[in-house]
């Protein structure tokens, strides 16, 4: 009985903590594959520098955070990354450190030389990359700027490659190159039905163990 209650309680705790949403997380490293080294540090595109409102990685709910409209500064130094001057395309590969399941990208598209077209590719091993999506970030005016959110089916990967082109965007395009303000991702969590099956499984396991104990008591 105690084990059954523990199993059900554990499942309920997991359900409550998940809330059917996904925590926000960021890469832990990045490599500039083409169009660099450029200006600024690529680390400033995933370390929350430049965001007026920060989050706690793997804890803060992605949707709740984005709904608060977190703004990124339009100041370059220490807060953004730019490709080499004159580059109309660039490529950056982000590394999560391990395979993660995710289903959305938040991109703060730099307001002066943002990305016109963004091809997203994913990889588990950093060698073979598969297309995920092609998206078109907002051409932000010269001012502090908000995030674009792009959603897609649940994908499991360690690496996400940003193939940037159409740089800089037409308006205002004051620097001839590609640029990134900040990136973050939404963790994909199991659907409610999946969690319900897990909790049911915990309960069934506890019930089976209880029945076995009863039978053992009768035969003793």
Protein backbone atom coordinates (compact mmCIF):
# COMPACT_ATOMS: atom_id res chain seq x y z
CA UNK A 1 0.00 0.00 0.00
CA UNK A 2 2.77 2.38 0.89
CA UNK A 3 4.57 1.64 -2.38
CA UNK A 4 1.40 2.18 -4.41
CA UNK A 5 0.79 5.54 -2.74
CA UNK A 6 4.40 6.50 -3.31
CA UNK A 7 4.20 5.64 -7.01
CA UNK A 8 0.97 7.59 -7.52
CA UNK A 9 2.28 10.53 -5.52
CA UNK A 10 5.49 10.58 -7.53
CA UNK A 11 3.55 10.62 -10.77
CA UNK A 12 1.30 13.41 -9.50
CA UNK A 13 4.33 15.45 -8.49
CA UNK A 14 5.81 15.08 -11.95
CA UNK A 15 2.52 16.08 -13.51
CA UNK A 16 2.24 19.16 -11.34
CA UNK A 17 5.79 20.26 -11.92
CA UNK A 18 5.52 19.88 -15.69
CA UNK A 19 2.23 21.72 -16.05
CA UNK A 20 2.18 20.60 -19.70
CA UNK A 21 4.57 23.42 -20.57
CA UNK A 22 8.28 23.36 -21.16
CA UNK A 23 11.10 25.11 -19.32
CA UNK A 24 13.30 27.51 -21.25
CA UNK A 25 16.94 26.64 -21.84
CA UNK A 26 19.91 27.95 -23.80
CA UNK A 27 22.93 26.45 -25.54
CA UNK A 28 26.13 26.13 -23.53
CA UNK A 29 28.49 26.85 -26.43
CA UNK A 30 28.56 27.92 -30.07
CA UNK A 31 30.89 27.77 -33.06
CA UNK A 32 31.05 30.36 -35.84
CA UNK A 33 31.30 28.19 -38.96
CA UNK A 34 31.17 30.91 -41.61
CA UNK A 35 31.01 34.68 -41.79
CA UNK A 36 33.21 35.20 -38.75
CA UNK A 37 34.84 35.83 -36.41
CA UNK A 38 32.96 39.08 -36.80
CA UNK A 39 32.45 41.54 -33.97
CA UNK A 40 31.42 40.82 -30.41
CA UNK A 41 31.30 37.47 -28.64
CA UNK A 42 29.04 34.67 -29.89
CA UNK A 43 28.57 33.74 -26.21
CA UNK A 44 26.60 36.97 -25.79
CA UNK A 45 23.86 35.40 -27.92
CA UNK A 46 23.01 32.74 -25.33
CA UNK A 47 24.20 34.03 -21.92
CA UNK A 48 21.25 36.43 -21.41
CA UNK A 49 23.47 39.50 -21.72
CA UNK A 50 21.33 42.25 -23.13
CA UNK A 51 18.00 40.91 -21.85
CA UNK A 52 16.30 43.31 -19.47
CA UNK A 53 14.41 40.41 -17.88
CA UNK A 54 16.35 37.19 -17.37
CA UNK A 55 15.20 33.62 -16.72
CA UNK A 56 16.39 30.56 -14.82
CA UNK A 57 17.45 27.94 -17.34
CA UNK A 58 15.58 24.61 -17.11
CA UNK A 59 13.21 26.08 -14.51
CA UNK A 60 11.40 29.14 -15.87
CA UNK A 61 8.43 28.27 -18.07
CA UNK A 62 9.17 29.24 -21.67
CA UNK A 63 5.64 30.36 -22.56
CA UNK A 64 5.20 32.39 -19.39
CA UNK A 65 8.53 34.09 -19.88
CA UNK A 66 7.86 34.97 -23.52
CA UNK A 67 4.37 36.22 -22.63
CA UNK A 68 6.03 38.80 -20.37
CA UNK A 69 7.63 40.28 -23.53
CA UNK A 70 11.28 40.22 -22.44
CA UNK A 71 13.13 43.00 -24.26
CA UNK A 72 16.70 42.98 -25.58
CA UNK A 73 18.84 46.10 -25.60
CA UNK A 74 19.84 47.66 -28.91
CA UNK A 75 23.35 48.32 -27.56
CA UNK A 76 25.99 46.26 -29.34
CA UNK A 77 29.08 46.07 -27.13
CA UNK A 78 28.89 43.08 -24.78
CA UNK A 79 25.34 42.18 -25.78
CA UNK A 80 25.19 41.07 -29.44
CA UNK A 81 27.22 39.31 -32.14
CA UNK A 82 27.85 40.54 -35.69
CA UNK A 83 29.32 38.65 -38.63
CA UNK A 84 32.18 40.02 -40.69
CA UNK A 85 31.37 43.31 -42.36
CA UNK A 86 30.08 42.77 -45.88
CA UNK A 87 28.86 39.21 -45.25
CA UNK A 88 25.37 38.58 -46.61
CA UNK A 89 25.32 35.10 -45.05
CA UNK A 90 26.79 33.43 -41.98
CA UNK A 91 26.59 30.13 -40.13
CA UNK A 92 26.64 29.39 -36.40
CA UNK A 93 26.27 26.01 -34.70
CA UNK A 94 24.89 25.97 -31.15
CA UNK A 95 25.71 23.14 -28.75
CA UNK A 96 23.34 22.10 -25.93
CA UNK A 97 26.02 19.93 -24.30
CA UNK A 98 23.85 16.82 -24.58
CA UNK A 99 20.86 15.64 -26.58
CA UNK A 100 17.79 17.68 -25.68
CA UNK A 101 14.18 17.47 -26.85
CA UNK A 102 12.76 20.84 -27.85
CA UNK A 103 9.90 22.27 -29.91
CA UNK A 104 10.35 26.04 -30.11
CA UNK A 105 12.99 28.70 -30.65
CA UNK A 106 12.98 32.24 -29.30
CA UNK A 107 15.16 34.55 -31.38
CA UNK A 108 15.87 38.16 -30.57
CA UNK A 109 16.73 39.29 -34.12
CA UNK A 110 19.28 42.11 -33.89
CA UNK A 111 17.69 45.39 -34.89
CA UNK A 112 20.45 46.88 -37.07
CA UNK A 113 21.67 43.92 -39.13
CA UNK A 114 19.25 41.10 -38.43
CA UNK A 115 18.76 37.83 -40.28
CA UNK A 116 16.54 37.88 -43.35
CA UNK A 117 16.15 34.11 -43.78
CA UNK A 118 17.13 31.52 -41.19
CA UNK A 119 17.59 27.85 -42.08
CA UNK A 120 17.58 25.64 -38.98
CA UNK A 121 19.31 22.27 -39.02
CA UNK A 122 19.81 19.76 -36.21
CA UNK A 123 22.30 17.05 -35.37
CA UNK A 124 22.89 14.49 -32.66
CA UNK A 125 26.58 13.94 -33.37
CA UNK A 126 27.69 17.27 -34.85
CA UNK A 127 28.51 15.58 -38.16
CA UNK A 128 25.24 14.77 -39.88
CA UNK A 129 22.76 17.65 -39.94
CA UNK A 130 19.11 17.41 -40.95
CA UNK A 131 16.82 20.30 -41.97
CA UNK A 132 14.38 21.39 -39.28
CA UNK A 133 12.72 24.56 -40.60
CA UNK A 134 13.19 27.73 -42.61
CA UNK A 135 11.91 30.84 -40.85
CA UNK A 136 11.83 34.58 -41.53
CA UNK A 137 12.65 36.70 -38.48
CA UNK A 138 11.09 40.09 -37.88
CA UNK A 139 12.89 43.08 -39.35
CA UNK A 140 13.10 45.07 -36.12
CA UNK A 141 13.40 48.87 -36.09
CA UNK A 142 16.35 50.54 -34.39
CA UNK A 143 15.18 50.29 -30.79
CA UNK A 144 15.15 47.77 -27.95
CA UNK A 145 13.49 44.70 -29.41
CA UNK A 146 11.30 41.68 -28.61
CA UNK A 147 11.69 38.00 -29.48
CA UNK A 148 10.29 36.05 -32.39
CA UNK A 149 9.04 32.59 -31.44
CA UNK A 150 9.15 29.78 -33.99
CA UNK A 151 7.52 26.45 -33.14
CA UNK A 152 7.94 23.04 -34.74
CA UNK A 153 7.46 19.37 -33.99
CA UNK A 154 9.39 17.86 -31.10
CA UNK A 155 13.00 17.38 -32.13
CA UNK A 156 15.82 15.67 -30.25
CA UNK A 157 19.32 16.96 -30.96
CA UNK A 158 22.49 18.20 -29.37
CA UNK A 159 23.38 20.73 -32.06
CA UNK A 160 21.29 23.36 -33.83
CA UNK A 161 22.81 25.08 -36.84
CA UNK A 162 21.77 28.58 -37.87
CA UNK A 163 22.17 29.09 -41.61
CA UNK A 164 21.68 32.84 -41.97
CA UNK A 165 21.13 34.64 -45.27
CA UNK A 166 19.51 37.78 -46.61
CA UNK A 167 21.70 39.89 -44.33
CA UNK A 168 21.37 42.63 -43.40
CA UNK A 169 17.63 43.09 -43.48
CA UNK A 170 16.43 45.91 -45.65
CA UNK A 171 15.26 48.12 -42.79
CA UNK A 172 17.35 49.61 -41.40
CA UNK A 173 20.48 47.60 -42.30
CA UNK A 174 22.99 50.12 -40.95
CA UNK A 175 25.76 47.47 -40.75
CA UNK A 176 26.42 45.22 -43.76
CA UNK A 177 26.31 41.81 -42.16
CA UNK A 178 24.33 39.24 -40.15
CA UNK A 179 23.72 39.67 -36.44
CA UNK A 180 22.12 37.85 -33.50
CA UNK A 181 20.86 39.30 -30.24
CA UNK A 182 19.87 36.23 -28.18
CA UNK A 183 18.54 32.69 -28.64
CA UNK A 184 16.70 30.29 -26.32
CA UNK A 185 14.69 27.11 -26.71
CA UNK A 186 11.60 25.44 -25.21
CA UNK A 187 11.99 22.00 -23.68
CA UNK A 188 9.55 19.47 -25.08
CA UNK A 189 7.70 17.59 -22.33
CA UNK A 190 5.36 14.57 -22.64
CA UNK A 191 1.75 15.19 -23.64
CA UNK A 192 -0.91 14.91 -20.91
CA UNK A 193 -1.99 11.49 -22.16
CA UNK A 194 1.56 10.22 -21.85
CA UNK A 195 1.86 11.45 -18.28
CA UNK A 196 -1.51 9.89 -17.44
CA UNK A 197 -0.30 6.55 -18.75
CA UNK A 198 2.83 6.85 -16.63
CA UNK A 199 0.84 7.61 -13.49
CA UNK A 200 -1.54 4.75 -14.29
CA UNK A 201 1.44 2.48 -14.73
CA UNK A 202 2.81 3.49 -11.32
CA UNK A 203 -0.55 2.75 -9.74
CA UNK A 204 -0.86 -0.60 -11.49
CA UNK A 205 2.62 -1.55 -10.33
CA UNK A 206 1.76 -0.72 -6.76
CA UNK A 207 -1.49 -2.67 -7.02
CA UNK A 208 0.29 -5.70 -8.43
CA UNK A 209 2.82 -5.67 -5.61
CA UNK A 210 0.04 -5.36 -3.06
CA UNK A 211 -1.77 -8.38 -4.57
CA UNK A 212 1.41 -10.42 -4.48
CA UNK A 213 1.83 -9.61 -0.78
CA UNK A 214 -1.74 -10.71 -0.06
CA UNK A 215 -1.24 -13.99 -1.88
CA UNK A 216 2.04 -14.57 -0.04
CA UNK A 217 0.26 -14.00 3.26
CA UNK A 218 -2.41 -16.57 2.44
CA UNK A 219 0.06 -19.25 1.49
CA UNK A 220 2.40 -18.64 4.42
